[in-house]
Amino acid sequence: MGILYVDNLTATHSFADEDLEFLIAFGGLTAVAIENSQLSERIRREALVRSNFERYFSPNIAQVISQQQDAGRLPSEKRPVVVFFSDIRGFTPMSETMSPDEIAKLLTEYFTEMVDKVFEHGGTLDKFMGDAIMALWGAPIAHADDADRAVECALAQLTELEKLNTKWKREGRTEVQIGIAINFGEVFAGNIGSDRRLEYTVIGDAVNTAYRLCGKAGPNEILISEPFYQQLKKKPPVETLESIQVKGKTKKIPVYRVKR
């Protein structure tokens, strides 16, 4: 609520009805101007937040977050999530034979297509780790079919990679193969970092296990853990593998290979 006060200190009864009507009209125009200014600022803020979040989240999720009251401040909490890793097999020796420009061009083209698949399936880009991609489903916004979305994304990435390799082969460039691993479990999700730079990410045993499993995946192979398999509503054809021993675990982990 706003108040307009008008007074004349030198004369009494100096205002007529016309002055009151003018003041009312002026007050109405002022209120509209203030409201439009506030709306413009809110739209500008939402656009800024959305543009920042769209680097990590699919556009539809970024829009939902930007419209929340505390946009830009995602909650820190424990929650069950799907953790997804993919990385290029043999990237280090391959990069030794390439120039810096060739490496940058390859990774840019590769990351662009792979991240698009993450976003198309409603996932969150957590981070790039060298030639690896870490993605999430279930944080910051969960869906009932997050596990199904993640495995569909993995299959879509391999299909897209085949197209990239066909293009690169035609251009006389290096072809690549990737390994993918997906796990499910409870993690801590929130803004982590320093006062100068925070990033939304997840930490916990489920993350470490997914990362270790990715290191065990063969070329163009999708490995999934038992907890993740149990979350799938539409279970794809899989092959049961021998349990795998990974660093940090005393017991071997049951693993499945997704068939294409």
C-alpha atoms as a PDB file:
ATOM      1  CA  MET A   1       0.000   0.000   0.000  1.00  0.00           C
ATOM      2  CA  GLY A   2       1.215   3.502  -0.832  1.00  0.00           C
ATOM      3  CA  ILE A   3       0.088   6.937   0.367  1.00  0.00           C
ATOM      4  CA  LEU A   4       0.142  10.283  -1.440  1.00  0.00           C
ATOM      5  CA  TYR A   5      -0.003  13.352   0.798  1.00  0.00           C
ATOM      6  CA  VAL A   6      -0.516  16.870  -0.615  1.00  0.00           C
ATOM      7  CA  ASP A   7      -0.731  20.004   1.493  1.00  0.00           C
ATOM      8  CA  ASN A   8      -0.590  23.764   1.133  1.00  0.00           C
ATOM      9  CA  LEU A   9       1.019  25.435   4.121  1.00  0.00           C
ATOM     10  CA  THR A  10       0.143  28.993   3.077  1.00  0.00           C
ATOM     11  CA  ALA A  11      -3.588  28.734   2.384  1.00  0.00           C
ATOM     12  CA  THR A  12      -6.628  26.843   3.599  1.00  0.00           C
ATOM     13  CA  HIS A  13      -9.308  25.339   1.423  1.00  0.00           C
ATOM     14  CA  SER A  14      -7.006  25.772  -1.573  1.00  0.00           C
ATOM     15  CA  PHE A  15      -7.914  22.446  -3.246  1.00  0.00           C
ATOM     16  CA  ALA A  16     -10.998  21.843  -5.329  1.00  0.00           C
ATOM     17  CA  ASP A  17     -12.747  18.628  -6.374  1.00  0.00           C
ATOM     18  CA  GLU A  18     -10.808  18.723  -9.645  1.00  0.00           C
ATOM     19  CA  ASP A  19      -7.564  18.595  -7.675  1.00  0.00           C
ATOM     20  CA  LEU A  20      -8.773  15.510  -5.823  1.00  0.00           C
ATOM     21  CA  GLU A  21      -9.746  13.815  -9.082  1.00  0.00           C
ATOM     22  CA  PHE A  22      -6.301  14.629 -10.509  1.00  0.00           C
ATOM     23  CA  LEU A  23      -4.595  13.253  -7.401  1.00  0.00           C
ATOM     24  CA  ILE A  24      -6.618  10.032  -7.607  1.00  0.00           C
ATOM     25  CA  ALA A  25      -5.747   9.624 -11.286  1.00  0.00           C
ATOM     26  CA  PHE A  26      -2.078  10.380 -10.596  1.00  0.00           C
ATOM     27  CA  GLY A  27      -2.052   7.851  -7.760  1.00  0.00           C
ATOM     28  CA  GLY A  28      -3.523   5.204 -10.056  1.00  0.00           C
ATOM     29  CA  LEU A  29      -0.896   5.849 -12.720  1.00  0.00           C
ATOM     30  CA  THR A  30       1.865   5.718 -10.105  1.00  0.00           C
ATOM     31  CA  ALA A  31       0.601   2.401  -8.770  1.00  0.00           C
ATOM     32  CA  VAL A  32       0.534   0.924 -12.282  1.00  0.00           C
ATOM     33  CA  ALA A  33       4.067   2.177 -12.944  1.00  0.00           C
ATOM     34  CA  ILE A  34       5.369   0.644  -9.701  1.00  0.00           C
ATOM     35  CA  GLU A  35       3.642  -2.659 -10.424  1.00  0.00           C
ATOM     36  CA  ASN A  36       5.060  -2.745 -13.963  1.00  0.00           C
ATOM     37  CA  SER A  37       8.523  -1.989 -12.612  1.00  0.00           C
ATOM     38  CA  GLN A  38       8.275  -4.815 -10.075  1.00  0.00           C
ATOM     39  CA  LEU A  39       7.003  -7.184 -12.762  1.00  0.00           C
ATOM     40  CA  SER A  40       9.847  -6.204 -15.078  1.00  0.00           C
ATOM     41  CA  GLU A  41      12.400  -6.812 -12.313  1.00  0.00           C
ATOM     42  CA  ARG A  42      10.868 -10.217 -11.521  1.00  0.00           C
ATOM     43  CA  ILE A  43      10.967 -11.207 -15.189  1.00  0.00           C
ATOM     44  CA  ARG A  44      14.579 -10.024 -15.459  1.00  0.00           C
ATOM     45  CA  ARG A  45      15.556 -11.983 -12.344  1.00  0.00           C
ATOM     46  CA  GLU A  46      13.790 -15.148 -13.538  1.00  0.00           C
ATOM     47  CA  ALA A  47      15.488 -14.866 -16.930  1.00  0.00           C
ATOM     48  CA  LEU A  48      18.898 -14.479 -15.286  1.00  0.00           C
ATOM     49  CA  VAL A  49      18.352 -17.425 -12.952  1.00  0.00           C
ATOM     50  CA  ARG A  50      16.971 -19.539 -15.785  1.00  0.00           C
ATOM     51  CA  SER A  51      19.926 -18.759 -18.045  1.00  0.00           C
ATOM     52  CA  ASN A  52      22.319 -19.808 -15.279  1.00  0.00           C
ATOM     53  CA  PHE A  53      20.433 -22.992 -14.458  1.00  0.00           C
ATOM     54  CA  GLU A  54      20.012 -24.008 -18.106  1.00  0.00           C
ATOM     55  CA  ARG A  55      23.734 -24.778 -18.173  1.00  0.00           C
ATOM     56  CA  TYR A  56      23.062 -27.652 -15.773  1.00  0.00           C
ATOM     57  CA  PHE A  57      19.361 -28.462 -15.928  1.00  0.00           C
ATOM     58  CA  SER A  58      17.003 -29.221 -18.787  1.00  0.00           C
ATOM     59  CA  PRO A  59      15.068 -26.096 -19.871  1.00  0.00           C
ATOM     60  CA  ASN A  60      11.781 -27.255 -18.341  1.00  0.00           C
ATOM     61  CA  ILE A  61      13.405 -27.925 -14.943  1.00  0.00           C
ATOM     62  CA  ALA A  62      15.301 -24.619 -15.121  1.00  0.00           C
ATOM     63  CA  GLN A  63      12.025 -22.789 -15.710  1.00  0.00           C
ATOM     64  CA  VAL A  64      10.372 -24.437 -12.695  1.00  0.00           C
ATOM     65  CA  ILE A  65      13.333 -23.541 -10.454  1.00  0.00           C
ATOM     66  CA  SER A  66      13.529 -19.942 -11.683  1.00  0.00           C
ATOM     67  CA  GLN A  67       9.865 -19.366 -10.793  1.00  0.00           C
ATOM     68  CA  GLN A  68      10.235 -20.568  -7.220  1.00  0.00           C
ATOM     69  CA  GLN A  69      10.268 -18.006  -4.423  1.00  0.00           C
ATOM     70  CA  ASP A  70      13.874 -18.750  -3.463  1.00  0.00           C
ATOM     71  CA  ALA A  71      15.094 -19.125  -7.027  1.00  0.00           C
ATOM     72  CA  GLY A  72      18.836 -19.497  -7.101  1.00  0.00           C
ATOM     73  CA  ARG A  73      18.994 -21.099  -3.645  1.00  0.00           C
ATOM     74  CA  LEU A  74      18.422 -24.820  -4.024  1.00  0.00           C
ATOM     75  CA  PRO A  75      17.810 -26.769  -0.809  1.00  0.00           C
ATOM     76  CA  SER A  76      20.520 -28.871   0.806  1.00  0.00           C
ATOM     77  CA  GLU A  77      19.121 -32.249   1.809  1.00  0.00           C
ATOM     78  CA  LYS A  78      19.506 -35.996   1.772  1.00  0.00           C
ATOM     79  CA  ARG A  79      17.539 -37.607  -1.024  1.00  0.00           C
ATOM     80  CA  PRO A  80      17.541 -40.735  -3.219  1.00  0.00           C
ATOM     81  CA  VAL A  81      18.897 -40.064  -6.688  1.00  0.00           C
ATOM     82  CA  VAL A  82      20.070 -41.788  -9.834  1.00  0.00           C
ATOM     83  CA  VAL A  83      23.782 -41.160 -10.462  1.00  0.00           C
ATOM     84  CA  PHE A  84      25.032 -41.481 -14.041  1.00  0.00           C
ATOM     85  CA  PHE A  85      28.622 -41.495 -15.299  1.00  0.00           C
ATOM     86  CA  SER A  86      29.936 -41.809 -18.828  1.00  0.00           C
ATOM     87  CA  ASP A  87      33.453 -41.326 -20.105  1.00  0.00           C
ATOM     88  CA  ILE A  88      35.576 -41.935 -23.168  1.00  0.00           C
ATOM     89  CA  ARG A  89      37.543 -45.178 -23.201  1.00  0.00           C
ATOM     90  CA  GLY A  90      41.289 -44.722 -23.715  1.00  0.00           C
ATOM     91  CA  PHE A  91      41.055 -40.964 -23.910  1.00  0.00           C
ATOM     92  CA  THR A  92      44.479 -40.244 -22.389  1.00  0.00           C
ATOM     93  CA  PRO A  93      46.571 -42.192 -24.932  1.00  0.00           C
ATOM     94  CA  MET A  94      44.306 -40.968 -27.729  1.00  0.00           C
ATOM     95  CA  SER A  95      44.770 -37.333 -26.717  1.00  0.00           C
ATOM     96  CA  GLU A  96      48.563 -37.728 -26.813  1.00  0.00           C
ATOM     97  CA  THR A  97      48.350 -38.065 -30.603  1.00  0.00           C
ATOM     98  CA  MET A  98      46.089 -35.008 -31.038  1.00  0.00           C
ATOM     99  CA  SER A  99      46.723 -31.274 -30.992  1.00  0.00           C
ATOM    100  CA  PRO A 100      45.038 -29.110 -28.322  1.00  0.00           C
ATOM    101  CA  ASP A 101      42.660 -27.700 -30.938  1.00  0.00           C
ATOM    102  CA  GLU A 102      41.692 -31.188 -32.093  1.00  0.00           C
ATOM    103  CA  ILE A 103      41.028 -32.281 -28.501  1.00  0.00           C
ATOM    104  CA  ALA A 104      38.926 -29.193 -27.805  1.00  0.00           C
ATOM    105  CA  LYS A 105      36.911 -29.660 -31.000  1.00  0.00           C
ATOM    106  CA  LEU A 106      36.276 -33.342 -30.323  1.00  0.00           C
ATOM    107  CA  LEU A 107      35.202 -32.800 -26.713  1.00  0.00           C
ATOM    108  CA  THR A 108      32.987 -29.844 -27.604  1.00  0.00           C
ATOM    109  CA  GLU A 109      31.129 -31.832 -30.263  1.00  0.00           C
ATOM    110  CA  TYR A 110      30.945 -34.903 -28.042  1.00  0.00           C
ATOM    111  CA  PHE A 111      29.771 -33.071 -24.899  1.00  0.00           C
ATOM    112  CA  THR A 112      27.191 -31.066 -26.836  1.00  0.00           C
ATOM    113  CA  GLU A 113      25.431 -34.168 -28.122  1.00  0.00           C
ATOM    114  CA  MET A 114      25.744 -36.170 -24.901  1.00  0.00           C
ATOM    115  CA  VAL A 115      24.465 -33.359 -22.661  1.00  0.00           C
ATOM    116  CA  ASP A 116      21.559 -32.763 -25.040  1.00  0.00           C
ATOM    117  CA  LYS A 117      20.521 -36.380 -24.407  1.00  0.00           C
ATOM    118  CA  VAL A 118      20.709 -35.836 -20.648  1.00  0.00           C
ATOM    119  CA  PHE A 119      18.452 -32.796 -20.929  1.00  0.00           C
ATOM    120  CA  GLU A 120      16.069 -34.481 -23.368  1.00  0.00           C
ATOM    121  CA  HIS A 121      15.460 -37.159 -20.738  1.00  0.00           C
ATOM    122  CA  GLY A 122      14.961 -34.713 -17.874  1.00  0.00           C
ATOM    123  CA  GLY A 123      18.357 -35.163 -16.247  1.00  0.00           C
ATOM    124  CA  THR A 124      20.654 -32.702 -14.497  1.00  0.00           C
ATOM    125  CA  LEU A 125      24.211 -32.108 -15.642  1.00  0.00           C
ATOM    126  CA  ASP A 126      26.276 -32.264 -12.463  1.00  0.00           C
ATOM    127  CA  LYS A 127      29.729 -31.673 -13.892  1.00  0.00           C
ATOM    128  CA  PHE A 128      32.379 -32.502 -16.478  1.00  0.00           C
ATOM    129  CA  MET A 129      35.361 -34.414 -15.128  1.00  0.00           C
ATOM    130  CA  GLY A 130      37.974 -34.345 -17.859  1.00  0.00           C
ATOM    131  CA  ASP A 131      36.365 -36.444 -20.589  1.00  0.00           C
ATOM    132  CA  ALA A 132      33.674 -37.784 -18.227  1.00  0.00           C
ATOM    133  CA  ILE A 133      30.104 -36.614 -17.706  1.00  0.00           C
ATOM    134  CA  MET A 134      28.320 -36.875 -14.356  1.00  0.00           C
ATOM    135  CA  ALA A 135      24.550 -36.520 -14.495  1.00  0.00           C
ATOM    136  CA  LEU A 136      21.676 -36.919 -12.044  1.00  0.00           C
ATOM    137  CA  TRP A 137      18.034 -37.822 -11.993  1.00  0.00           C
ATOM    138  CA  GLY A 138      15.989 -37.098  -8.889  1.00  0.00           C
ATOM    139  CA  ALA A 139      17.737 -33.876  -7.861  1.00  0.00           C
ATOM    140  CA  PRO A 140      16.802 -31.118  -7.560  1.00  0.00           C
ATOM    141  CA  ILE A 141      13.414 -32.257  -8.909  1.00  0.00           C
ATOM    142  CA  ALA A 142      12.342 -35.910  -8.839  1.00  0.00           C
ATOM    143  CA  HIS A 143      10.067 -37.854 -11.167  1.00  0.00           C
ATOM    144  CA  ALA A 144       8.480 -41.239 -10.633  1.00  0.00           C
ATOM    145  CA  ASP A 145      10.283 -42.641 -13.692  1.00  0.00           C
ATOM    146  CA  ASP A 146      13.760 -41.180 -13.100  1.00  0.00           C
ATOM    147  CA  ALA A 147      15.455 -44.587 -13.401  1.00  0.00           C
ATOM    148  CA  ASP A 148      13.760 -45.282 -16.736  1.00  0.00           C
ATOM    149  CA  ARG A 149      14.759 -41.852 -18.010  1.00  0.00           C
ATOM    150  CA  ALA A 150      18.397 -42.498 -17.087  1.00  0.00           C
ATOM    151  CA  VAL A 151      18.694 -45.832 -18.881  1.00  0.00           C
ATOM    152  CA  GLU A 152      16.901 -44.411 -21.922  1.00  0.00           C
ATOM    153  CA  CYS A 153      19.423 -41.580 -21.904  1.00  0.00           C
ATOM    154  CA  ALA A 154      22.316 -44.074 -21.835  1.00  0.00           C
ATOM    155  CA  LEU A 155      20.925 -45.921 -24.839  1.00  0.00           C
ATOM    156  CA  ALA A 156      20.298 -42.641 -26.659  1.00  0.00           C
ATOM    157  CA  GLN A 157      23.883 -41.524 -26.008  1.00  0.00           C
ATOM    158  CA  LEU A 158      25.265 -44.694 -27.606  1.00  0.00           C
ATOM    159  CA  THR A 159      23.000 -44.223 -30.621  1.00  0.00           C
ATOM    160  CA  GLU A 160      24.126 -40.601 -30.961  1.00  0.00           C
ATOM    161  CA  LEU A 161      27.749 -41.642 -30.567  1.00  0.00           C
ATOM    162  CA  GLU A 162      27.400 -43.978 -33.540  1.00  0.00           C
ATOM    163  CA  LYS A 163      26.270 -40.999 -35.622  1.00  0.00           C
ATOM    164  CA  LEU A 164      29.193 -38.914 -34.396  1.00  0.00           C
ATOM    165  CA  ASN A 165      31.666 -41.692 -35.193  1.00  0.00           C
ATOM    166  CA  THR A 166      30.241 -42.038 -38.705  1.00  0.00           C
ATOM    167  CA  LYS A 167      30.717 -38.296 -39.205  1.00  0.00           C
ATOM    168  CA  TRP A 168      34.229 -38.284 -37.726  1.00  0.00           C
ATOM    169  CA  LYS A 169      35.287 -41.302 -39.788  1.00  0.00           C
ATOM    170  CA  ARG A 170      34.085 -39.574 -42.944  1.00  0.00           C
ATOM    171  CA  GLU A 171      36.167 -36.542 -41.997  1.00  0.00           C
ATOM    172  CA  GLY A 172      39.219 -38.669 -41.271  1.00  0.00           C
ATOM    173  CA  ARG A 173      39.064 -37.913 -37.552  1.00  0.00           C
ATOM    174  CA  THR A 174      39.419 -40.094 -34.469  1.00  0.00           C
ATOM    175  CA  GLU A 175      36.464 -42.258 -33.454  1.00  0.00           C
ATOM    176  CA  VAL A 176      35.662 -42.801 -29.775  1.00  0.00           C
ATOM    177  CA  GLN A 177      33.983 -45.359 -27.545  1.00  0.00           C
ATOM    178  CA  ILE A 178      32.468 -44.723 -24.147  1.00  0.00           C
ATOM    179  CA  GLY A 179      31.620 -46.598 -20.978  1.00  0.00           C
ATOM    180  CA  ILE A 180      28.500 -45.851 -18.956  1.00  0.00           C
ATOM    181  CA  ALA A 181      27.496 -46.781 -15.405  1.00  0.00           C
ATOM    182  CA  ILE A 182      24.319 -45.975 -13.455  1.00  0.00           C
ATOM    183  CA  ASN A 183      23.646 -46.372  -9.761  1.00  0.00           C
ATOM    184  CA  PHE A 184      20.871 -45.456  -7.327  1.00  0.00           C
ATOM    185  CA  GLY A 185      21.053 -44.497  -3.661  1.00  0.00           C
ATOM    186  CA  GLU A 186      20.720 -41.830  -1.009  1.00  0.00           C
ATOM    187  CA  VAL A 187      23.091 -38.877  -1.270  1.00  0.00           C
ATOM    188  CA  PHE A 188      23.540 -35.411   0.132  1.00  0.00           C
ATOM    189  CA  ALA A 189      22.388 -32.912  -2.495  1.00  0.00           C
ATOM    190  CA  GLY A 190      22.991 -29.201  -2.224  1.00  0.00           C
ATOM    191  CA  ASN A 191      25.197 -26.203  -2.896  1.00  0.00           C
ATOM    192  CA  ILE A 192      28.769 -27.155  -2.052  1.00  0.00           C
ATOM    193  CA  GLY A 193      31.949 -25.116  -2.377  1.00  0.00           C
ATOM    194  CA  SER A 194      33.468 -21.944  -0.990  1.00  0.00           C
ATOM    195  CA  ASP A 195      32.052 -18.500  -0.258  1.00  0.00           C
ATOM    196  CA  ARG A 196      33.377 -17.383  -3.631  1.00  0.00           C
ATOM    197  CA  ARG A 197      31.983 -20.225  -5.704  1.00  0.00           C
ATOM    198  CA  LEU A 198      29.222 -22.719  -4.989  1.00  0.00           C
ATOM    199  CA  GLU A 199      27.887 -25.454  -7.223  1.00  0.00           C
ATOM    200  CA  TYR A 200      24.892 -27.731  -6.907  1.00  0.00           C
ATOM    201  CA  THR A 201      26.111 -31.314  -6.665  1.00  0.00           C
ATOM    202  CA  VAL A 202      25.677 -34.576  -4.777  1.00  0.00           C
ATOM    203  CA  ILE A 203      28.079 -36.495  -2.567  1.00  0.00           C
ATOM    204  CA  GLY A 204      27.867 -39.910  -0.961  1.00  0.00           C
ATOM    205  CA  ASP A 205      28.567 -43.599  -1.372  1.00  0.00           C
ATOM    206  CA  ALA A 206      26.127 -43.925  -4.278  1.00  0.00           C
ATOM    207  CA  VAL A 207      28.211 -41.409  -6.244  1.00  0.00           C
ATOM    208  CA  ASN A 208      31.488 -43.175  -5.502  1.00  0.00           C
ATOM    209  CA  THR A 209      30.039 -46.549  -6.491  1.00  0.00           C
ATOM    210  CA  ALA A 210      28.700 -45.203  -9.797  1.00  0.00           C
ATOM    211  CA  TYR A 211      32.099 -43.694 -10.574  1.00  0.00           C
ATOM    212  CA  ARG A 212      33.907 -46.962  -9.799  1.00  0.00           C
ATOM    213  CA  LEU A 213      31.452 -48.947 -11.910  1.00  0.00           C
ATOM    214  CA  CYS A 214      32.027 -46.608 -14.832  1.00  0.00           C
ATOM    215  CA  GLY A 215      35.713 -47.464 -14.671  1.00  0.00           C
ATOM    216  CA  LYS A 216      34.768 -51.137 -15.068  1.00  0.00           C
ATOM    217  CA  ALA A 217      32.518 -50.595 -18.105  1.00  0.00           C
ATOM    218  CA  GLY A 218      33.880 -51.777 -21.433  1.00  0.00           C
ATOM    219  CA  PRO A 219      33.710 -49.879 -24.734  1.00  0.00           C
ATOM    220  CA  ASN A 220      30.113 -48.830 -25.486  1.00  0.00           C
ATOM    221  CA  GLU A 221      28.896 -50.841 -22.492  1.00  0.00           C
ATOM    222  CA  ILE A 222      26.197 -49.811 -20.000  1.00  0.00           C
ATOM    223  CA  LEU A 223      26.615 -51.235 -16.501  1.00  0.00           C
ATOM    224  CA  ILE A 224      23.876 -50.829 -13.888  1.00  0.00           C
ATOM    225  CA  SER A 225      23.841 -51.705 -10.220  1.00  0.00           C
ATOM    226  CA  GLU A 226      21.320 -53.882  -8.400  1.00  0.00           C
ATOM    227  CA  PRO A 227      19.724 -50.933  -6.515  1.00  0.00           C
ATOM    228  CA  PHE A 228      19.244 -49.100  -9.795  1.00  0.00           C
ATOM    229  CA  TYR A 229      17.837 -52.166 -11.545  1.00  0.00           C
ATOM    230  CA  GLN A 230      15.216 -52.503  -8.824  1.00  0.00           C
ATOM    231  CA  GLN A 231      14.087 -48.916  -9.440  1.00  0.00           C
ATOM    232  CA  LEU A 232      13.300 -49.522 -13.105  1.00  0.00           C
ATOM    233  CA  LYS A 233       9.611 -49.629 -13.933  1.00  0.00           C
ATOM    234  CA  LYS A 234      10.259 -50.683 -17.531  1.00  0.00           C
ATOM    235  CA  LYS A 235      13.157 -53.073 -17.199  1.00  0.00           C
ATOM    236  CA  PRO A 236      15.242 -53.360 -20.396  1.00  0.00           C
ATOM    237  CA  PRO A 237      16.872 -56.623 -21.488  1.00  0.00           C
ATOM    238  CA  VAL A 238      19.936 -57.162 -19.318  1.00  0.00           C
ATOM    239  CA  GLU A 239      22.694 -59.675 -18.853  1.00  0.00           C
ATOM    240  CA  THR A 240      23.686 -60.639 -15.336  1.00  0.00           C
ATOM    241  CA  LEU A 241      27.433 -60.347 -14.890  1.00  0.00           C
ATOM    242  CA  GLU A 242      29.718 -61.659 -12.200  1.00  0.00           C
ATOM    243  CA  SER A 243      29.748 -59.428  -9.152  1.00  0.00           C
ATOM    244  CA  ILE A 244      32.438 -56.753  -9.341  1.00  0.00           C
ATOM    245  CA  GLN A 245      34.872 -55.692  -6.653  1.00  0.00           C
ATOM    246  CA  VAL A 246      35.262 -51.947  -6.541  1.00  0.00           C
ATOM    247  CA  LYS A 247      37.525 -49.762  -4.449  1.00  0.00           C
ATOM    248  CA  GLY A 248      36.025 -48.750  -1.128  1.00  0.00           C
ATOM    249  CA  LYS A 249      33.691 -51.750  -0.904  1.00  0.00           C
ATOM    250  CA  THR A 250      34.373 -54.840   1.191  1.00  0.00           C
ATOM    251  CA  LYS A 251      31.826 -56.921  -0.731  1.00  0.00           C
ATOM    252  CA  LYS A 252      31.479 -57.401  -4.449  1.00  0.00           C
ATOM    253  CA  ILE A 253      28.673 -55.548  -6.197  1.00  0.00           C
ATOM    254  CA  PRO A 254      26.004 -57.315  -8.295  1.00  0.00           C
ATOM    255  CA  VAL A 255      26.051 -55.810 -11.779  1.00  0.00           C
ATOM    256  CA  TYR A 256      23.986 -56.030 -14.964  1.00  0.00           C
ATOM    257  CA  ARG A 257      24.901 -55.161 -18.536  1.00  0.00           C
ATOM    258  CA  VAL A 258      22.119 -53.495 -20.507  1.00  0.00           C
ATOM    259  CA  LYS A 259      21.540 -55.165 -23.871  1.00  0.00           C
ATOM    260  CA  ARG A 260      20.942 -53.008 -26.922  1.00  0.00           C
END
